Amino acid sequence: MSKWTPSSWRQKPAKHIPEDYPDKKHLADVEKTLSGYPPLVFAGEARRLTERLGQVAMGNAFLMQGGDCAESFREFHPDNLRDMFRVMMQMAVVLTYGGGKPVVKIGRIAGQFAKPRSSPTETRDGITLPSYRGDNINGMDFTPESRVPDPERLLKAYGQSASTLNLIRAFSTGGYANLRNIHKWTLGFVGDSEQTQKYQELCDKITDAMDFMQACGVTPQSTPQMATTEYYTSHEGLLLGYEQAMTRIDSTTGRWYDTSAHLLWIGNRTRQLDGAHVEFLSGVENPIAMKIGPEMSADDLLRLMDKLNPENIAGRLTLIARYGHERVARELPVLARAVKASGKHVVWSCDPMHGNTRKTASGYKTRPFDNILAEVKAFMQVLHAESCWPGGVHFEMTGQNVTECIGGAKAVREEDLSSRYHTHCDPRLNADQALELAFLIAEELRANRNVSKQALAS
């Protein structure tokens, strides 16, 4: 076997990495510049996340991963970041209370710009241009100039990621995440919803419990876990030139870490065993994830797991299942059975978004809320049946008041999509839908607590 280096991926076939940069030297110069920039995250943080995910793999915690389908330069604003953080904190409270386990919180944030596209080109009114591939590659405007890949966008993405991380760290450790603030996390535009009322009732119960604990001498001042939270970042490791530039040797361990995010994942389109993306992520010490979906065989999955996690470290590898609500119960059991029989440690997570996308007659991409929930339920039922822990969920969501996914308690209809359809790529759950889904998942976790204990003991 050849020795791994941060650049060894360049000797492998690479899918969904743009090759049409007009000035390759400019791209190389930008990547060299990035290699001298400070890390965005630190090796110790990545190791701590591996430990936390190890607890998920063992059935002692639950993973919640969520955020924008693709971050944008145009919509970058501290209020949007705050609102996303607030929704995730609300969801985490609901899941922790309902599931009775710690929740590991990972955002699709501070680096989730690039998107693999099903077609390299897009045609409108008889005009064909390169597809929009994310703000760190090209622009969304449908003009020839905007769709040309520009290396300078990588520098802007780095700067926005650094600013995002700075604000998120302030929110998570500077007092905003204090459990005494749980009543203040509600977003104004969903203040009169059924989900908000349920959330406020839950907050009242938690506040009563905290009052009791304070009377016993347990306070946020004496117990830091009540005043701060751990919040990690993730994105798809798609642009390997950027990831290589952000990969550094950790001075305390002598091992390689990709400092662009705490966790990186391999997409469903780029998980070829002999491909560049698997090669690159096999060599960094970060916790990593991989999307799995239709047509993946058990043999292929086990070979990929051997490549990506040869030491079978609990928390190193998360498998994110994305099938669609009609296929998950039919196809996931074979993989779950094979992984269970192999004795390999993985975090099982469900992405109920990507397999449930459809286009309406008016041309909008959307995702029916009922189908999203159906896939989560089927995912949990399959894994319980195979004596595995359904340890996480992976959502595309936003704290903005959008109408992109149909359904939910407020019943967003197809004719409502045009009113607040703001996504740059794929439809996202809005805050009310995300919170509703958290309550429904919490009910599933609560109902299956005994099943989970028996499965993990077998």
Protein backbone atom coordinates (compact mmCIF):
# COMPACT_ATOMS: atom_id res chain seq x y z
CA MET A 1 0.00 0.00 0.00
CA SER A 2 1.24 3.48 -0.82
CA LYS A 3 1.92 5.83 2.09
CA TRP A 4 -0.81 8.39 2.77
CA THR A 5 -0.01 12.08 2.50
CA PRO A 6 -2.36 15.09 2.37
CA SER A 7 -1.77 15.18 -1.39
CA SER A 8 -2.00 11.45 -2.19
CA TRP A 9 -5.63 11.94 -3.23
CA ARG A 10 -4.35 13.72 -6.36
CA GLN A 11 -3.27 10.34 -7.75
CA LYS A 12 -6.85 9.00 -7.53
CA PRO A 13 -9.92 9.62 -9.70
CA ALA A 14 -11.84 12.58 -8.26
CA LYS A 15 -15.54 13.19 -8.89
CA HIS A 16 -17.42 16.48 -8.48
CA ILE A 17 -14.29 18.60 -8.12
CA PRO A 18 -14.44 21.32 -10.80
CA GLU A 19 -11.75 21.08 -13.45
CA ASP A 20 -12.78 24.17 -15.40
CA TYR A 21 -10.94 26.82 -13.41
CA PRO A 22 -9.62 29.06 -16.21
CA ASP A 23 -6.34 29.79 -14.37
CA LYS A 24 -4.93 26.71 -12.64
CA LYS A 25 -1.92 28.64 -11.35
CA HIS A 26 -4.23 31.12 -9.62
CA LEU A 27 -5.99 28.18 -7.94
CA ALA A 28 -2.67 26.71 -6.80
CA ASP A 29 -1.57 30.10 -5.44
CA VAL A 30 -4.80 30.46 -3.44
CA GLU A 31 -4.43 26.96 -1.99
CA LYS A 32 -0.84 27.79 -1.02
CA THR A 33 -2.06 30.97 0.67
CA LEU A 34 -4.68 29.01 2.59
CA SER A 35 -2.07 26.54 3.79
CA GLY A 36 -0.46 29.41 5.73
CA TYR A 37 -3.70 30.60 7.35
CA PRO A 38 -4.54 29.77 10.98
CA PRO A 39 -6.60 26.61 11.60
CA LEU A 40 -10.34 27.06 11.94
CA VAL A 41 -10.67 24.26 14.50
CA PHE A 42 -8.13 22.48 16.67
CA ALA A 43 -7.00 18.89 16.90
CA GLY A 44 -8.01 18.63 20.55
CA GLU A 45 -11.57 19.65 19.68
CA ALA A 46 -11.74 17.01 16.95
CA ARG A 47 -10.48 14.36 19.38
CA ARG A 48 -13.12 15.38 21.92
CA LEU A 49 -15.81 15.03 19.25
CA THR A 50 -14.56 11.52 18.47
CA GLU A 51 -14.98 10.68 22.16
CA ARG A 52 -18.50 12.13 22.20
CA LEU A 53 -19.44 10.20 19.07
CA GLY A 54 -17.94 7.11 20.64
CA GLN A 55 -20.62 7.46 23.32
CA VAL A 56 -23.24 7.65 20.57
CA ALA A 57 -21.84 4.50 18.93
CA MET A 58 -22.20 2.70 22.26
CA GLY A 59 -25.81 3.81 22.66
CA ASN A 60 -25.14 6.28 25.45
CA ALA A 61 -25.83 9.52 23.56
CA PHE A 62 -27.70 10.85 20.51
CA LEU A 63 -26.35 12.82 17.54
CA MET A 64 -28.13 15.84 16.09
CA GLN A 65 -26.52 17.26 12.94
CA GLY A 66 -28.21 20.07 11.09
CA GLY A 67 -27.90 23.32 9.21
CA ASP A 68 -28.08 24.93 5.81
CA CYS A 69 -28.03 22.88 2.62
CA ALA A 70 -25.37 25.33 1.40
CA GLU A 71 -24.09 28.46 3.11
CA SER A 72 -24.04 31.61 1.03
CA PHE A 73 -22.12 34.86 0.98
CA ARG A 74 -25.25 36.90 0.30
CA GLU A 75 -27.24 35.71 3.32
CA PHE A 76 -24.35 35.78 5.79
CA HIS A 77 -25.60 37.73 8.81
CA PRO A 78 -25.16 37.32 12.59
CA ASP A 79 -28.94 37.23 13.09
CA ASN A 80 -29.24 34.24 10.76
CA LEU A 81 -26.46 32.43 12.63
CA ARG A 82 -28.07 33.21 15.97
CA ASP A 83 -31.46 31.94 14.81
CA MET A 84 -29.96 28.69 13.52
CA PHE A 85 -28.17 28.21 16.84
CA ARG A 86 -31.39 28.90 18.75
CA VAL A 87 -33.37 26.31 16.81
CA MET A 88 -30.69 23.67 17.33
CA MET A 89 -30.58 24.43 21.05
CA GLN A 90 -34.36 24.05 21.24
CA MET A 91 -34.22 20.75 19.38
CA ALA A 92 -31.41 19.51 21.62
CA VAL A 93 -33.42 20.30 24.77
CA VAL A 94 -36.42 18.41 23.40
CA LEU A 95 -34.34 15.39 22.37
CA THR A 96 -32.37 15.30 25.62
CA TYR A 97 -35.52 15.43 27.71
CA GLY A 98 -37.40 12.92 25.57
CA GLY A 99 -34.56 10.50 24.93
CA GLY A 100 -32.95 10.68 28.35
CA LYS A 101 -29.47 10.85 26.81
CA PRO A 102 -26.92 13.60 26.09
CA VAL A 103 -27.21 15.13 22.62
CA VAL A 104 -24.08 15.75 20.54
CA LYS A 105 -24.70 18.91 18.50
CA ILE A 106 -22.99 19.32 15.12
CA GLY A 107 -23.82 22.09 12.68
CA ARG A 108 -23.66 21.98 8.91
CA ILE A 109 -21.96 25.33 9.25
CA ALA A 110 -18.70 27.29 8.91
CA GLY A 111 -17.66 25.53 5.69
CA GLN A 112 -20.72 23.94 4.05
CA PHE A 113 -20.51 25.82 0.76
CA ALA A 114 -19.79 23.39 -2.09
CA LYS A 115 -22.46 21.04 -3.43
CA PRO A 116 -22.12 18.13 -5.88
CA ARG A 117 -24.67 18.54 -8.65
CA SER A 118 -26.49 15.89 -10.63
CA SER A 119 -25.70 17.73 -13.88
CA PRO A 120 -22.63 19.84 -14.76
CA THR A 121 -24.82 22.27 -16.74
CA GLU A 122 -28.12 24.09 -16.36
CA THR A 123 -30.42 25.26 -19.16
CA ARG A 124 -32.89 28.15 -18.94
CA ASP A 125 -34.85 29.55 -21.87
CA GLY A 126 -32.59 27.76 -24.31
CA ILE A 127 -29.37 29.05 -22.71
CA THR A 128 -26.99 26.48 -21.18
CA LEU A 129 -24.43 27.45 -18.54
CA PRO A 130 -22.33 25.58 -15.95
CA SER A 131 -24.34 24.61 -12.86
CA TYR A 132 -24.11 26.62 -9.67
CA ARG A 133 -21.85 24.56 -7.39
CA GLY A 134 -21.73 26.58 -4.21
CA ASP A 135 -20.51 30.05 -3.30
CA ASN A 136 -16.94 28.90 -2.74
CA ILE A 137 -16.78 27.83 -6.40
CA ASN A 138 -19.01 30.07 -8.53
CA GLY A 139 -22.00 32.41 -8.32
CA MET A 140 -25.71 31.69 -8.32
CA ASP A 141 -26.61 34.40 -10.85
CA PHE A 142 -27.44 32.86 -14.22
CA THR A 143 -24.77 34.66 -16.25
CA PRO A 144 -21.64 33.35 -17.97
CA GLU A 145 -19.44 35.55 -15.77
CA SER A 146 -21.01 34.37 -12.51
CA ARG A 147 -20.76 30.68 -13.34
CA VAL A 148 -16.98 30.72 -13.97
CA PRO A 149 -15.15 29.06 -11.03
CA ASP A 150 -13.15 31.69 -9.13
CA PRO A 151 -10.34 30.65 -6.71
CA GLU A 152 -10.74 33.90 -4.75
CA ARG A 153 -14.05 32.54 -3.49
CA LEU A 154 -12.11 30.01 -1.40
CA LEU A 155 -10.50 32.85 0.54
CA LYS A 156 -13.86 34.48 1.10
CA ALA A 157 -15.31 31.16 2.29
CA TYR A 158 -12.45 30.79 4.75
CA GLY A 159 -13.06 34.29 6.10
CA GLN A 160 -16.80 33.71 6.49
CA SER A 161 -16.14 30.36 8.20
CA ALA A 162 -13.77 32.01 10.66
CA SER A 163 -16.31 34.73 11.48
CA THR A 164 -19.06 32.12 11.87
CA LEU A 165 -16.97 30.03 14.24
CA ASN A 166 -16.11 33.09 16.30
CA LEU A 167 -19.79 33.90 16.81
CA ILE A 168 -20.86 30.29 17.44
CA ARG A 169 -18.15 29.89 20.08
CA ALA A 170 -19.39 33.06 21.74
CA PHE A 171 -22.96 31.77 21.77
CA SER A 172 -22.01 28.34 23.11
CA THR A 173 -19.65 29.47 25.88
CA GLY A 174 -20.51 33.11 26.58
CA GLY A 175 -23.76 32.64 28.48
CA TYR A 176 -26.32 32.45 25.67
CA ALA A 177 -26.47 28.64 26.01
CA ASN A 178 -27.20 28.81 29.75
CA LEU A 179 -30.20 26.59 30.48
CA ARG A 180 -31.71 29.51 32.38
CA ASN A 181 -32.23 31.07 28.95
CA ILE A 182 -34.34 28.24 27.51
CA HIS A 183 -37.49 30.38 27.48
CA LYS A 184 -35.65 33.04 25.44
CA TRP A 185 -34.62 30.72 22.59
CA THR A 186 -38.04 30.81 20.91
CA LEU A 187 -38.12 32.60 17.56
CA GLY A 188 -40.68 35.37 17.27
CA PHE A 189 -42.30 34.23 14.02
CA VAL A 190 -43.27 30.84 15.51
CA GLY A 191 -44.31 32.20 18.89
CA ASP A 192 -47.96 31.22 18.50
CA SER A 193 -47.43 27.73 17.10
CA GLU A 194 -48.43 24.45 18.69
CA GLN A 195 -44.77 23.41 18.83
CA THR A 196 -43.78 26.56 20.68
CA GLN A 197 -46.50 25.96 23.25
CA LYS A 198 -45.24 22.40 23.80
CA TYR A 199 -41.71 23.74 24.06
CA GLN A 200 -42.70 26.35 26.63
CA GLU A 201 -44.41 23.65 28.71
CA LEU A 202 -41.21 21.60 28.57
CA CYS A 203 -39.19 24.67 29.58
CA ASP A 204 -41.44 25.15 32.61
CA LYS A 205 -40.69 21.58 33.73
CA ILE A 206 -36.94 22.07 33.26
CA THR A 207 -37.04 25.41 35.09
CA ASP A 208 -38.83 23.79 38.03
CA ALA A 209 -36.16 21.07 38.10
CA MET A 210 -33.40 23.69 37.99
CA ASP A 211 -35.03 25.60 40.86
CA PHE A 212 -35.00 22.41 42.90
CA MET A 213 -31.35 21.72 42.01
CA GLN A 214 -30.40 25.29 42.89
CA ALA A 215 -32.00 24.84 46.29
CA CYS A 216 -29.74 21.81 46.67
CA GLY A 217 -26.68 23.87 45.70
CA VAL A 218 -26.40 22.77 42.04
CA THR A 219 -26.26 25.89 39.84
CA PRO A 220 -24.87 26.94 36.45
CA GLN A 221 -22.00 28.52 38.38
CA SER A 222 -21.11 25.26 40.12
CA THR A 223 -21.90 23.01 37.14
CA PRO A 224 -20.52 24.48 33.87
CA GLN A 225 -22.48 22.00 31.74
CA MET A 226 -25.63 23.95 32.66
CA ALA A 227 -24.18 27.26 31.47
CA THR A 228 -22.33 26.27 28.28
CA THR A 229 -22.66 23.73 25.52
CA GLU A 230 -20.37 21.89 23.13
CA TYR A 231 -21.14 22.74 19.52
CA TYR A 232 -19.15 21.29 16.64
CA THR A 233 -18.92 22.09 12.93
CA SER A 234 -19.06 19.90 9.85
CA HIS A 235 -19.27 20.02 6.09
CA GLU A 236 -18.94 17.74 3.11
CA GLY A 237 -15.26 17.32 2.29
CA LEU A 238 -15.77 17.93 -1.40
CA LEU A 239 -13.12 20.44 -2.56
CA LEU A 240 -10.04 18.44 -1.68
CA GLY A 241 -7.60 21.18 -2.67
CA TYR A 242 -9.10 23.37 0.06
CA GLU A 243 -9.15 20.47 2.54
CA GLN A 244 -5.51 19.65 1.78
CA ALA A 245 -4.55 23.27 2.37
CA MET A 246 -6.27 23.19 5.77
CA THR A 247 -4.66 19.90 6.87
CA ARG A 248 -1.89 20.24 9.46
CA ILE A 249 0.23 18.04 11.73
CA ASP A 250 -0.92 18.23 15.34
CA SER A 251 2.07 19.21 17.47
CA THR A 252 0.95 17.06 20.42
CA THR A 253 0.37 13.78 18.57
CA GLY A 254 2.27 14.12 15.29
CA ARG A 255 -0.88 13.12 13.39
CA TRP A 256 -2.67 14.84 10.52
CA TYR A 257 -5.90 16.77 11.17
CA ASP A 258 -8.08 18.66 8.72
CA THR A 259 -8.56 21.95 10.57
CA SER A 260 -11.38 23.22 8.31
CA ALA A 261 -14.04 21.49 10.48
CA HIS A 262 -14.41 19.11 13.39
CA LEU A 263 -16.14 16.48 11.24
CA LEU A 264 -16.16 15.98 7.48
CA TRP A 265 -18.31 13.64 5.48
CA ILE A 266 -18.08 11.83 2.16
CA GLY A 267 -21.12 12.25 -0.04
CA ASN A 268 -23.21 9.57 -1.68
CA ARG A 269 -21.72 10.51 -5.08
CA THR A 270 -18.04 10.46 -4.00
CA ARG A 271 -17.64 7.34 -1.83
CA GLN A 272 -15.77 5.19 -4.36
CA LEU A 273 -13.29 2.89 -2.59
CA ASP A 274 -10.49 3.80 -5.03
CA GLY A 275 -11.55 7.44 -5.30
CA ALA A 276 -9.89 10.65 -4.17
CA HIS A 277 -12.37 11.50 -1.39
CA VAL A 278 -12.09 8.17 0.39
CA GLU A 279 -8.32 8.34 0.01
CA PHE A 280 -8.09 11.79 1.57
CA LEU A 281 -10.43 11.25 4.51
CA SER A 282 -8.90 7.87 5.31
CA GLY A 283 -5.73 9.67 6.39
CA VAL A 284 -6.95 12.51 8.62
CA GLU A 285 -7.64 11.87 12.30
CA ASN A 286 -10.91 13.84 12.47
CA PRO A 287 -14.11 11.94 13.06
CA ILE A 288 -15.63 11.40 9.63
CA ALA A 289 -18.99 10.40 8.19
CA MET A 290 -20.15 8.77 4.99
CA LYS A 291 -23.50 8.90 3.25
CA ILE A 292 -24.94 5.49 2.37
CA GLY A 293 -27.94 4.91 0.18
CA PRO A 294 -29.62 2.87 -2.55
CA GLU A 295 -27.62 0.27 -4.42
CA MET A 296 -24.84 0.08 -1.82
CA SER A 297 -23.92 -3.54 -1.12
CA ALA A 298 -22.89 -4.91 2.24
CA ASP A 299 -19.52 -6.02 0.82
CA ASP A 300 -18.78 -2.53 -0.52
CA LEU A 301 -19.73 -0.96 2.81
CA LEU A 302 -17.50 -3.29 4.82
CA ARG A 303 -14.55 -2.61 2.50
CA LEU A 304 -15.07 1.13 2.86
CA MET A 305 -15.25 0.78 6.64
CA ASP A 306 -11.97 -1.14 6.65
CA LYS A 307 -10.37 1.67 4.66
CA LEU A 308 -11.82 4.54 6.69
CA ASN A 309 -11.64 3.04 10.18
CA PRO A 310 -9.12 0.17 10.15
CA GLU A 311 -8.57 0.38 13.92
CA ASN A 312 -12.33 0.16 14.59
CA ILE A 313 -12.31 3.25 16.82
CA ALA A 314 -15.74 4.01 18.28
CA GLY A 315 -16.74 7.51 17.16
CA ARG A 316 -14.38 7.64 14.20
CA LEU A 317 -17.02 6.74 11.58
CA THR A 318 -20.65 7.79 11.24
CA LEU A 319 -22.86 6.17 8.60
CA ILE A 320 -25.56 8.56 7.38
CA ALA A 321 -28.39 6.62 5.74
CA ARG A 322 -30.28 8.50 2.99
CA TYR A 323 -32.73 6.29 1.13
CA GLY A 324 -36.14 7.90 0.89
CA HIS A 325 -39.12 6.86 2.96
CA GLU A 326 -40.19 4.11 0.54
CA ARG A 327 -36.83 2.33 0.36
CA VAL A 328 -35.22 2.50 3.79
CA ALA A 329 -37.14 -0.43 5.33
CA ARG A 330 -36.33 -2.59 2.32
CA GLU A 331 -32.63 -1.82 1.84
CA LEU A 332 -31.12 -0.73 5.16
CA PRO A 333 -31.60 -4.04 7.06
CA VAL A 334 -29.02 -5.85 4.90
CA LEU A 335 -26.33 -3.28 5.74
CA ALA A 336 -27.26 -3.06 9.41
CA ARG A 337 -27.08 -6.85 9.73
CA ALA A 338 -23.67 -6.98 8.04
CA VAL A 339 -22.20 -4.21 10.23
CA LYS A 340 -23.58 -5.82 13.38
CA ALA A 341 -22.10 -9.20 12.42
CA SER A 342 -18.70 -7.62 11.66
CA GLY A 343 -18.38 -6.24 15.18
CA LYS A 344 -17.45 -2.82 13.81
CA HIS A 345 -18.27 0.34 15.78
CA VAL A 346 -20.27 2.96 13.90
CA VAL A 347 -22.70 5.76 14.61
CA TRP A 348 -25.93 5.15 12.72
CA SER A 349 -27.55 8.41 11.60
CA CYS A 350 -30.55 9.16 9.39
CA ASP A 351 -30.65 11.80 6.65
CA PRO A 352 -34.37 11.86 5.76
CA MET A 353 -34.00 14.89 3.49
CA HIS A 354 -32.14 13.91 0.32
CA GLY A 355 -34.12 10.80 -0.58
CA ASN A 356 -37.44 12.62 -0.27
CA THR A 357 -36.91 15.53 -2.66
CA ARG A 358 -39.41 16.02 -5.47
CA LYS A 359 -40.33 18.79 -7.89
CA THR A 360 -43.77 20.37 -7.93
CA ALA A 361 -45.76 21.18 -11.05
CA SER A 362 -44.73 24.82 -10.61
CA GLY A 363 -41.04 23.84 -10.73
CA TYR A 364 -40.10 24.15 -7.03
CA LYS A 365 -38.05 21.44 -5.35
CA THR A 366 -39.63 20.48 -2.06
CA ARG A 367 -39.71 17.76 0.59
CA PRO A 368 -42.95 16.56 2.20
CA PHE A 369 -42.76 16.70 5.98
CA ASP A 370 -44.71 13.45 6.36
CA ASN A 371 -42.18 11.60 4.17
CA ILE A 372 -39.28 12.99 6.21
CA LEU A 373 -40.88 11.76 9.42
CA ALA A 374 -41.76 8.40 7.85
CA GLU A 375 -38.12 7.79 6.92
CA VAL A 376 -36.90 8.63 10.42
CA LYS A 377 -39.43 6.23 11.94
CA ALA A 378 -38.57 3.44 9.51
CA PHE A 379 -34.84 4.00 10.12
CA MET A 380 -35.31 3.65 13.88
CA GLN A 381 -37.51 0.57 13.51
CA VAL A 382 -35.01 -1.17 11.22
CA LEU A 383 -32.06 -0.59 13.51
CA HIS A 384 -33.97 -1.64 16.62
CA ALA A 385 -34.95 -4.84 14.80
CA GLU A 386 -31.28 -5.50 13.95
CA SER A 387 -30.11 -4.85 17.53
CA CYS A 388 -28.38 -1.60 16.56
CA TRP A 389 -28.68 1.86 18.12
CA PRO A 390 -30.36 4.44 15.82
CA GLY A 391 -28.07 7.09 17.16
CA GLY A 392 -28.65 10.25 15.17
CA VAL A 393 -30.40 12.46 12.64
CA HIS A 394 -29.04 14.74 9.91
CA PHE A 395 -31.26 17.61 8.71
CA GLU A 396 -31.13 20.49 6.28
CA MET A 397 -32.84 23.27 8.23
CA THR A 398 -32.79 26.98 8.91
CA GLY A 399 -33.85 29.42 11.59
CA GLN A 400 -35.42 31.63 8.91
CA ASN A 401 -39.15 31.83 8.27
CA VAL A 402 -39.09 29.97 4.95
CA THR A 403 -41.64 27.94 3.02
CA GLU A 404 -39.58 25.25 1.30
CA CYS A 405 -40.78 21.91 2.72
CA ILE A 406 -44.50 21.21 2.52
CA GLY A 407 -46.58 19.93 5.43
CA GLY A 408 -46.04 20.10 9.16
CA ALA A 409 -48.42 21.35 11.84
CA LYS A 410 -48.84 24.70 10.06
CA ALA A 411 -49.46 22.80 6.82
CA VAL A 412 -47.25 24.58 4.29
CA ARG A 413 -48.92 23.91 0.93
CA GLU A 414 -47.46 23.70 -2.56
CA GLU A 415 -49.06 27.04 -3.40
CA ASP A 416 -47.27 28.58 -0.38
CA LEU A 417 -43.77 27.67 -1.61
CA SER A 418 -43.29 30.81 -3.69
CA SER A 419 -43.95 33.16 -0.77
CA ARG A 420 -40.66 32.56 1.12
CA TYR A 421 -38.58 30.16 -0.94
CA HIS A 422 -35.02 31.36 -0.28
CA THR A 423 -32.73 28.32 -0.51
CA HIS A 424 -29.73 28.39 -2.83
CA CYS A 425 -29.89 24.64 -3.44
CA ASP A 426 -32.21 22.25 -1.62
CA PRO A 427 -35.39 22.83 0.43
CA ARG A 428 -34.90 23.19 4.20
CA LEU A 429 -37.11 22.68 7.21
CA ASN A 430 -38.09 25.98 8.82
CA ALA A 431 -37.80 26.50 12.57
CA ASP A 432 -41.35 25.38 13.35
CA GLN A 433 -41.03 22.20 11.27
CA ALA A 434 -37.63 21.41 12.79
CA LEU A 435 -38.97 21.74 16.32
CA GLU A 436 -42.03 19.65 15.46
CA LEU A 437 -39.76 16.93 14.10
CA ALA A 438 -37.67 17.03 17.28
CA PHE A 439 -40.78 16.39 19.40
CA LEU A 440 -41.84 13.49 17.18
CA ILE A 441 -38.36 11.93 17.31
CA ALA A 442 -38.30 12.41 21.09
CA GLU A 443 -41.55 10.44 21.29
CA GLU A 444 -39.95 7.62 19.30
CA LEU A 445 -36.90 7.64 21.56
CA ARG A 446 -39.06 7.60 24.67
CA ALA A 447 -41.23 4.77 23.35
CA ASN A 448 -38.20 2.67 22.46
CA ARG A 449 -36.04 3.18 25.54
CA ASN A 450 -36.50 -0.40 26.71
CA VAL A 451 -36.07 -1.76 23.18
CA SER A 452 -32.75 0.12 22.88
CA LYS A 453 -31.43 -1.28 26.15
CA GLN A 454 -32.29 -4.85 25.14
CA ALA A 455 -30.78 -4.40 21.65
CA LEU A 456 -27.48 -3.01 22.92
CA ALA A 457 -27.22 -5.73 25.54
CA SER A 458 -27.60 -8.50 22.94
